Amino acid sequence: MKKLEILSPIILDFDLENGMACKISHQMYSESKSGFKIPVPFSFFMHLTEKNAEGKFIMPLDGDKIFGKEVIAQLDSIKTIMSKCAQLGEILNGKLRAFNNKHKINPELKNIYSKYDERYDKMDFMGHRNLFSDILKSKKLQRLNTVISEYNAKSVTKTFNDFIFDRNKYTHGDLMYWYPNGKTLLEYRDEKGKIAYGELNQDIFSSYLLAYEELNKFLDKLDK
């Protein structure tokens, strides 16, 4: 039985009672693409904890370390990966919507779809995932039952859920350079709408891409 999983950005809990989160954003330069000059923004983050004699937080800055070419190249590379992650999310979004649209007229699923009738046309990615999960749990379609029997069903729906949340983070989040730690940080809104911070690394992106491949294969199997 196959079990799916995904690694999400590592949640960081900064002590804001005894420290301060400091984010600075500005335009670094402009680059030319397809005949257009596109501004390239840059954001860096510091968690300030030390204070001076006046009780004000000390901002330790080293311009060479913050604005060096290596730092800019690091963030630019990760921004490209995040953009690809968002695009892959749209592919799954489209496939999931197509699946739900296809089965909407199935009389065996009428009771399930009736719960979504009023908002169906305006449902987002997560809404379609919830409907999809209800269809799988109902076990009313033999073809679906055959495919899902090869998987840990709970891991499929959970991975889909986490994939969508991570896709939203990559689409709407703000990528930052965490100084002086030298790590890549993502600022985003959590499920409650509060600002949260997550650390990014290669393993997290590799896990996201693998989860995309597995979910994509799963949806393809359901359509055969």
C-alpha atoms as a PDB file:
ATOM      1  CA  MET A   1       0.000   0.000   0.000  1.00  0.00           C
ATOM      2  CA  LYS A   2       1.510   3.281  -1.149  1.00  0.00           C
ATOM      3  CA  LYS A   3       1.749   6.161   1.297  1.00  0.00           C
ATOM      4  CA  LEU A   4       2.131   9.749   0.089  1.00  0.00           C
ATOM      5  CA  GLU A   5       3.696  12.586   2.052  1.00  0.00           C
ATOM      6  CA  ILE A   6       5.105  16.055   1.604  1.00  0.00           C
ATOM      7  CA  LEU A   7       7.581  18.228   3.492  1.00  0.00           C
ATOM      8  CA  SER A   8       6.339  21.764   4.132  1.00  0.00           C
ATOM      9  CA  PRO A   9       8.363  24.892   4.963  1.00  0.00           C
ATOM     10  CA  ILE A  10       9.837  24.528   8.460  1.00  0.00           C
ATOM     11  CA  ILE A  11       7.743  26.702  10.768  1.00  0.00           C
ATOM     12  CA  LEU A  12       9.835  29.138  12.796  1.00  0.00           C
ATOM     13  CA  ASP A  13       8.563  30.636  16.019  1.00  0.00           C
ATOM     14  CA  PHE A  14      10.423  33.854  16.774  1.00  0.00           C
ATOM     15  CA  ASP A  15      10.275  35.274  20.284  1.00  0.00           C
ATOM     16  CA  LEU A  16       8.536  38.588  19.637  1.00  0.00           C
ATOM     17  CA  GLU A  17       7.986  39.335  23.324  1.00  0.00           C
ATOM     18  CA  ASN A  18      11.702  39.792  23.903  1.00  0.00           C
ATOM     19  CA  GLY A  19      12.690  40.575  20.340  1.00  0.00           C
ATOM     20  CA  MET A  20      11.458  42.217  17.149  1.00  0.00           C
ATOM     21  CA  ALA A  21      10.935  40.940  13.624  1.00  0.00           C
ATOM     22  CA  CYS A  22      12.472  43.353  11.133  1.00  0.00           C
ATOM     23  CA  LYS A  23      11.741  43.104   7.416  1.00  0.00           C
ATOM     24  CA  ILE A  24      13.259  45.479   4.867  1.00  0.00           C
ATOM     25  CA  SER A  25      12.241  45.412   1.200  1.00  0.00           C
ATOM     26  CA  HIS A  26      13.425  47.476  -1.745  1.00  0.00           C
ATOM     27  CA  GLN A  27      14.266  47.263  -5.436  1.00  0.00           C
ATOM     28  CA  MET A  28      17.776  45.963  -6.084  1.00  0.00           C
ATOM     29  CA  TYR A  29      17.989  46.517  -9.836  1.00  0.00           C
ATOM     30  CA  SER A  30      16.088  46.029 -13.105  1.00  0.00           C
ATOM     31  CA  GLU A  31      16.582  43.209 -15.580  1.00  0.00           C
ATOM     32  CA  SER A  32      15.643  43.073 -19.239  1.00  0.00           C
ATOM     33  CA  LYS A  33      13.347  40.265 -20.384  1.00  0.00           C
ATOM     34  CA  SER A  34      11.518  40.127 -23.734  1.00  0.00           C
ATOM     35  CA  GLY A  35      12.191  43.810 -24.261  1.00  0.00           C
ATOM     36  CA  PHE A  36      10.839  44.874 -20.855  1.00  0.00           C
ATOM     37  CA  LYS A  37      12.740  46.271 -17.908  1.00  0.00           C
ATOM     38  CA  ILE A  38      11.490  44.371 -14.873  1.00  0.00           C
ATOM     39  CA  PRO A  39      12.218  45.632 -11.337  1.00  0.00           C
ATOM     40  CA  VAL A  40      13.855  42.976  -9.141  1.00  0.00           C
ATOM     41  CA  PRO A  41      12.733  43.328  -5.503  1.00  0.00           C
ATOM     42  CA  PHE A  42      14.803  42.120  -2.576  1.00  0.00           C
ATOM     43  CA  SER A  43      13.712  41.490   1.018  1.00  0.00           C
ATOM     44  CA  PHE A  44      15.740  40.550   4.036  1.00  0.00           C
ATOM     45  CA  PHE A  45      14.686  39.597   7.518  1.00  0.00           C
ATOM     46  CA  MET A  46      16.298  39.981  10.929  1.00  0.00           C
ATOM     47  CA  HIS A  47      15.162  38.894  14.356  1.00  0.00           C
ATOM     48  CA  LEU A  48      16.511  41.607  16.627  1.00  0.00           C
ATOM     49  CA  THR A  49      17.203  40.679  20.244  1.00  0.00           C
ATOM     50  CA  GLU A  50      20.056  42.911  21.425  1.00  0.00           C
ATOM     51  CA  LYS A  51      19.414  46.434  22.717  1.00  0.00           C
ATOM     52  CA  ASN A  52      21.637  49.452  23.218  1.00  0.00           C
ATOM     53  CA  ALA A  53      21.973  51.529  26.395  1.00  0.00           C
ATOM     54  CA  GLU A  54      18.809  53.450  25.443  1.00  0.00           C
ATOM     55  CA  GLY A  55      16.767  50.261  25.225  1.00  0.00           C
ATOM     56  CA  LYS A  56      16.474  50.354  21.435  1.00  0.00           C
ATOM     57  CA  PHE A  57      17.051  47.256  19.319  1.00  0.00           C
ATOM     58  CA  ILE A  58      20.430  47.101  17.616  1.00  0.00           C
ATOM     59  CA  MET A  59      20.348  46.433  13.877  1.00  0.00           C
ATOM     60  CA  PRO A  60      23.580  44.638  12.907  1.00  0.00           C
ATOM     61  CA  LEU A  61      24.131  45.283   9.222  1.00  0.00           C
ATOM     62  CA  ASP A  62      26.908  44.193   6.899  1.00  0.00           C
ATOM     63  CA  GLY A  63      26.049  45.488   3.448  1.00  0.00           C
ATOM     64  CA  ASP A  64      28.489  43.165   1.677  1.00  0.00           C
ATOM     65  CA  LYS A  65      26.935  40.074   3.250  1.00  0.00           C
ATOM     66  CA  ILE A  66      23.329  41.178   2.711  1.00  0.00           C
ATOM     67  CA  PHE A  67      23.563  42.604  -0.790  1.00  0.00           C
ATOM     68  CA  GLY A  68      26.342  40.442  -2.237  1.00  0.00           C
ATOM     69  CA  LYS A  69      25.899  38.775  -5.621  1.00  0.00           C
ATOM     70  CA  GLU A  70      25.773  35.309  -4.066  1.00  0.00           C
ATOM     71  CA  VAL A  71      22.809  36.265  -1.866  1.00  0.00           C
ATOM     72  CA  ILE A  72      20.916  37.792  -4.780  1.00  0.00           C
ATOM     73  CA  ALA A  73      21.627  34.744  -6.964  1.00  0.00           C
ATOM     74  CA  GLN A  74      20.455  32.455  -4.144  1.00  0.00           C
ATOM     75  CA  LEU A  75      17.114  34.223  -3.802  1.00  0.00           C
ATOM     76  CA  ASP A  76      16.638  34.579  -7.553  1.00  0.00           C
ATOM     77  CA  SER A  77      17.155  30.840  -8.030  1.00  0.00           C
ATOM     78  CA  ILE A  78      14.641  29.979  -5.314  1.00  0.00           C
ATOM     79  CA  LYS A  79      12.109  32.456  -6.711  1.00  0.00           C
ATOM     80  CA  THR A  80      12.288  30.596 -10.011  1.00  0.00           C
ATOM     81  CA  ILE A  81      11.648  27.279  -8.248  1.00  0.00           C
ATOM     82  CA  MET A  82       8.716  28.771  -6.312  1.00  0.00           C
ATOM     83  CA  SER A  83       7.210  30.036  -9.558  1.00  0.00           C
ATOM     84  CA  LYS A  84       7.446  26.536 -11.047  1.00  0.00           C
ATOM     85  CA  CYS A  85       5.827  25.085  -7.918  1.00  0.00           C
ATOM     86  CA  ALA A  86       2.902  27.476  -8.299  1.00  0.00           C
ATOM     87  CA  GLN A  87       2.508  26.516 -11.976  1.00  0.00           C
ATOM     88  CA  LEU A  88       2.496  22.810 -11.131  1.00  0.00           C
ATOM     89  CA  GLY A  89      -0.197  23.517  -8.572  1.00  0.00           C
ATOM     90  CA  GLU A  90      -2.363  24.990 -11.320  1.00  0.00           C
ATOM     91  CA  ILE A  91      -1.980  21.806 -13.374  1.00  0.00           C
ATOM     92  CA  LEU A  92      -3.309  19.692 -10.498  1.00  0.00           C
ATOM     93  CA  ASN A  93      -6.020  22.273  -9.862  1.00  0.00           C
ATOM     94  CA  GLY A  94      -7.193  21.919 -13.452  1.00  0.00           C
ATOM     95  CA  LYS A  95      -7.149  18.123 -13.349  1.00  0.00           C
ATOM     96  CA  LEU A  96      -9.040  18.030 -10.081  1.00  0.00           C
ATOM     97  CA  ARG A  97     -11.717  20.396 -11.381  1.00  0.00           C
ATOM     98  CA  ALA A  98     -12.045  18.305 -14.540  1.00  0.00           C
ATOM     99  CA  PHE A  99     -12.522  15.164 -12.440  1.00  0.00           C
ATOM    100  CA  ASN A 100     -15.193  16.792 -10.282  1.00  0.00           C
ATOM    101  CA  ASN A 101     -16.971  18.260 -13.313  1.00  0.00           C
ATOM    102  CA  LYS A 102     -16.965  14.873 -15.022  1.00  0.00           C
ATOM    103  CA  HIS A 103     -18.635  13.120 -12.100  1.00  0.00           C
ATOM    104  CA  LYS A 104     -21.090  15.870 -11.254  1.00  0.00           C
ATOM    105  CA  ILE A 105     -23.838  14.226 -13.313  1.00  0.00           C
ATOM    106  CA  ASN A 106     -23.304  10.800 -11.752  1.00  0.00           C
ATOM    107  CA  PRO A 107     -26.561   9.906  -9.913  1.00  0.00           C
ATOM    108  CA  GLU A 108     -24.656   7.820  -7.362  1.00  0.00           C
ATOM    109  CA  LEU A 109     -22.883  10.953  -6.156  1.00  0.00           C
ATOM    110  CA  LYS A 110     -25.910  13.263  -6.109  1.00  0.00           C
ATOM    111  CA  ASN A 111     -26.051  13.487  -2.313  1.00  0.00           C
ATOM    112  CA  ILE A 112     -22.380  14.436  -2.126  1.00  0.00           C
ATOM    113  CA  TYR A 113     -22.554  17.131  -4.804  1.00  0.00           C
ATOM    114  CA  SER A 114     -25.741  18.564  -3.290  1.00  0.00           C
ATOM    115  CA  LYS A 115     -23.679  19.839  -0.339  1.00  0.00           C
ATOM    116  CA  TYR A 116     -21.603  21.913  -2.760  1.00  0.00           C
ATOM    117  CA  ASP A 117     -24.312  23.037  -5.224  1.00  0.00           C
ATOM    118  CA  GLU A 118     -24.677  26.627  -4.046  1.00  0.00           C
ATOM    119  CA  ARG A 119     -20.964  27.405  -4.149  1.00  0.00           C
ATOM    120  CA  TYR A 120     -19.738  24.913  -6.754  1.00  0.00           C
ATOM    121  CA  ASP A 121     -19.056  27.414  -9.550  1.00  0.00           C
ATOM    122  CA  LYS A 122     -16.998  29.612  -7.207  1.00  0.00           C
ATOM    123  CA  MET A 123     -15.057  26.872  -5.437  1.00  0.00           C
ATOM    124  CA  ASP A 124     -11.293  27.245  -5.223  1.00  0.00           C
ATOM    125  CA  PHE A 125      -8.607  24.568  -5.290  1.00  0.00           C
ATOM    126  CA  MET A 126      -9.202  23.575  -1.663  1.00  0.00           C
ATOM    127  CA  GLY A 127     -12.963  23.445  -2.166  1.00  0.00           C
ATOM    128  CA  HIS A 128     -12.526  20.971  -5.012  1.00  0.00           C
ATOM    129  CA  ARG A 129     -10.088  18.973  -2.911  1.00  0.00           C
ATOM    130  CA  ASN A 130     -12.716  18.721  -0.137  1.00  0.00           C
ATOM    131  CA  LEU A 131     -15.328  17.513  -2.614  1.00  0.00           C
ATOM    132  CA  PHE A 132     -12.837  15.036  -4.060  1.00  0.00           C
ATOM    133  CA  SER A 133     -12.106  13.735  -0.563  1.00  0.00           C
ATOM    134  CA  ASP A 134     -15.838  13.225   0.086  1.00  0.00           C
ATOM    135  CA  ILE A 135     -16.148  11.264  -3.155  1.00  0.00           C
ATOM    136  CA  LEU A 136     -13.259   8.981  -2.225  1.00  0.00           C
ATOM    137  CA  LYS A 137     -14.605   8.404   1.289  1.00  0.00           C
ATOM    138  CA  SER A 138     -18.060   7.515  -0.048  1.00  0.00           C
ATOM    139  CA  LYS A 139     -16.675   4.439  -1.875  1.00  0.00           C
ATOM    140  CA  LYS A 140     -19.596   4.647  -4.282  1.00  0.00           C
ATOM    141  CA  LEU A 141     -17.542   4.308  -7.466  1.00  0.00           C
ATOM    142  CA  GLN A 142     -15.903   0.931  -8.058  1.00  0.00           C
ATOM    143  CA  ARG A 143     -13.174   2.329 -10.303  1.00  0.00           C
ATOM    144  CA  LEU A 144     -12.113   4.735  -7.572  1.00  0.00           C
ATOM    145  CA  ASN A 145     -12.229   1.993  -4.959  1.00  0.00           C
ATOM    146  CA  THR A 146      -9.898  -0.159  -7.056  1.00  0.00           C
ATOM    147  CA  VAL A 147      -7.328   2.607  -7.433  1.00  0.00           C
ATOM    148  CA  ILE A 148      -7.512   3.852  -3.844  1.00  0.00           C
ATOM    149  CA  SER A 149      -7.008   0.300  -2.565  1.00  0.00           C
ATOM    150  CA  GLU A 150      -3.405   0.602  -3.786  1.00  0.00           C
ATOM    151  CA  TYR A 151      -2.832   3.633  -1.557  1.00  0.00           C
ATOM    152  CA  ASN A 152      -3.077   4.725   2.028  1.00  0.00           C
ATOM    153  CA  ALA A 153      -6.227   6.803   1.405  1.00  0.00           C
ATOM    154  CA  LYS A 154      -5.708   9.144   4.337  1.00  0.00           C
ATOM    155  CA  SER A 155      -2.196   9.978   3.150  1.00  0.00           C
ATOM    156  CA  VAL A 156      -3.523  10.896  -0.313  1.00  0.00           C
ATOM    157  CA  THR A 157      -6.125  13.372   0.951  1.00  0.00           C
ATOM    158  CA  LYS A 158      -3.719  14.828   3.541  1.00  0.00           C
ATOM    159  CA  THR A 159      -0.924  15.238   0.991  1.00  0.00           C
ATOM    160  CA  PHE A 160      -3.376  16.948  -1.363  1.00  0.00           C
ATOM    161  CA  ASN A 161      -4.403  19.260   1.474  1.00  0.00           C
ATOM    162  CA  ASP A 162      -0.804  20.123   2.414  1.00  0.00           C
ATOM    163  CA  PHE A 163       0.189  20.483  -1.251  1.00  0.00           C
ATOM    164  CA  ILE A 164      -2.493  23.135  -1.751  1.00  0.00           C
ATOM    165  CA  PHE A 165      -1.503  25.049   1.391  1.00  0.00           C
ATOM    166  CA  ASP A 166       2.154  24.996   0.302  1.00  0.00           C
ATOM    167  CA  ARG A 167       1.226  26.033  -3.231  1.00  0.00           C
ATOM    168  CA  ASN A 168      -0.590  29.047  -1.754  1.00  0.00           C
ATOM    169  CA  LYS A 169       2.482  29.908   0.312  1.00  0.00           C
ATOM    170  CA  TYR A 170       4.730  29.797  -2.757  1.00  0.00           C
ATOM    171  CA  THR A 171       2.252  31.783  -4.824  1.00  0.00           C
ATOM    172  CA  HIS A 172       1.470  34.565  -2.349  1.00  0.00           C
ATOM    173  CA  GLY A 173       4.351  34.444   0.133  1.00  0.00           C
ATOM    174  CA  ASP A 174       7.282  36.845   0.306  1.00  0.00           C
ATOM    175  CA  LEU A 175      10.734  35.315  -0.086  1.00  0.00           C
ATOM    176  CA  MET A 176      13.404  36.816   2.181  1.00  0.00           C
ATOM    177  CA  TYR A 177      17.060  36.432   3.066  1.00  0.00           C
ATOM    178  CA  TRP A 178      17.390  35.645   6.768  1.00  0.00           C
ATOM    179  CA  TYR A 179      20.321  37.673   8.090  1.00  0.00           C
ATOM    180  CA  PRO A 180      22.775  36.855   9.589  1.00  0.00           C
ATOM    181  CA  ASN A 181      21.782  33.154   9.517  1.00  0.00           C
ATOM    182  CA  GLY A 182      22.255  33.048   5.751  1.00  0.00           C
ATOM    183  CA  LYS A 183      19.104  31.003   5.193  1.00  0.00           C
ATOM    184  CA  THR A 184      16.071  31.461   2.958  1.00  0.00           C
ATOM    185  CA  LEU A 185      12.867  32.445   4.690  1.00  0.00           C
ATOM    186  CA  LEU A 186       9.273  32.630   3.463  1.00  0.00           C
ATOM    187  CA  GLU A 187       6.754  35.012   5.012  1.00  0.00           C
ATOM    188  CA  TYR A 188       3.146  33.949   4.451  1.00  0.00           C
ATOM    189  CA  ARG A 189      -0.339  33.926   5.947  1.00  0.00           C
ATOM    190  CA  ASP A 190      -1.220  30.768   7.854  1.00  0.00           C
ATOM    191  CA  GLU A 191      -4.634  29.076   7.946  1.00  0.00           C
ATOM    192  CA  LYS A 192      -5.850  31.621  10.505  1.00  0.00           C
ATOM    193  CA  GLY A 193      -4.666  34.573   8.434  1.00  0.00           C
ATOM    194  CA  LYS A 194      -1.756  35.383  10.743  1.00  0.00           C
ATOM    195  CA  ILE A 195       1.750  36.169   9.503  1.00  0.00           C
ATOM    196  CA  ALA A 196       4.005  33.125   9.758  1.00  0.00           C
ATOM    197  CA  TYR A 197       7.581  32.318   8.794  1.00  0.00           C
ATOM    198  CA  GLY A 198       8.942  29.147   7.248  1.00  0.00           C
ATOM    199  CA  GLU A 199      12.460  28.100   6.353  1.00  0.00           C
ATOM    200  CA  LEU A 200      13.025  26.696   2.863  1.00  0.00           C
ATOM    201  CA  ASN A 201      15.619  24.217   1.653  1.00  0.00           C
ATOM    202  CA  GLN A 202      16.277  21.807  -1.197  1.00  0.00           C
ATOM    203  CA  ASP A 203      14.642  18.834   0.549  1.00  0.00           C
ATOM    204  CA  ILE A 204      11.366  20.754   0.889  1.00  0.00           C
ATOM    205  CA  PHE A 205      11.229  21.649  -2.803  1.00  0.00           C
ATOM    206  CA  SER A 206      12.215  18.095  -3.818  1.00  0.00           C
ATOM    207  CA  SER A 207       9.404  16.742  -1.644  1.00  0.00           C
ATOM    208  CA  TYR A 208       6.898  19.160  -3.202  1.00  0.00           C
ATOM    209  CA  LEU A 209       7.890  18.128  -6.730  1.00  0.00           C
ATOM    210  CA  LEU A 210       7.671  14.430  -5.830  1.00  0.00           C
ATOM    211  CA  ALA A 211       4.244  14.970  -4.245  1.00  0.00           C
ATOM    212  CA  TYR A 212       3.111  16.670  -7.465  1.00  0.00           C
ATOM    213  CA  GLU A 213       4.250  13.681  -9.532  1.00  0.00           C
ATOM    214  CA  GLU A 214       2.496  11.184  -7.260  1.00  0.00           C
ATOM    215  CA  LEU A 215      -0.767  13.148  -7.062  1.00  0.00           C
ATOM    216  CA  ASN A 216      -0.691  13.660 -10.816  1.00  0.00           C
ATOM    217  CA  LYS A 217      -0.258   9.897 -11.373  1.00  0.00           C
ATOM    218  CA  PHE A 218      -3.069   9.207  -8.932  1.00  0.00           C
ATOM    219  CA  LEU A 219      -5.500  11.480 -10.794  1.00  0.00           C
ATOM    220  CA  ASP A 220      -4.448   9.933 -14.114  1.00  0.00           C
ATOM    221  CA  LYS A 221      -5.214   6.454 -12.761  1.00  0.00           C
ATOM    222  CA  LEU A 222      -8.685   7.552 -11.737  1.00  0.00           C
ATOM    223  CA  ASP A 223      -9.380   8.759 -15.263  1.00  0.00           C
ATOM    224  CA  LYS A 224      -8.333   5.575 -17.067  1.00  0.00           C
END
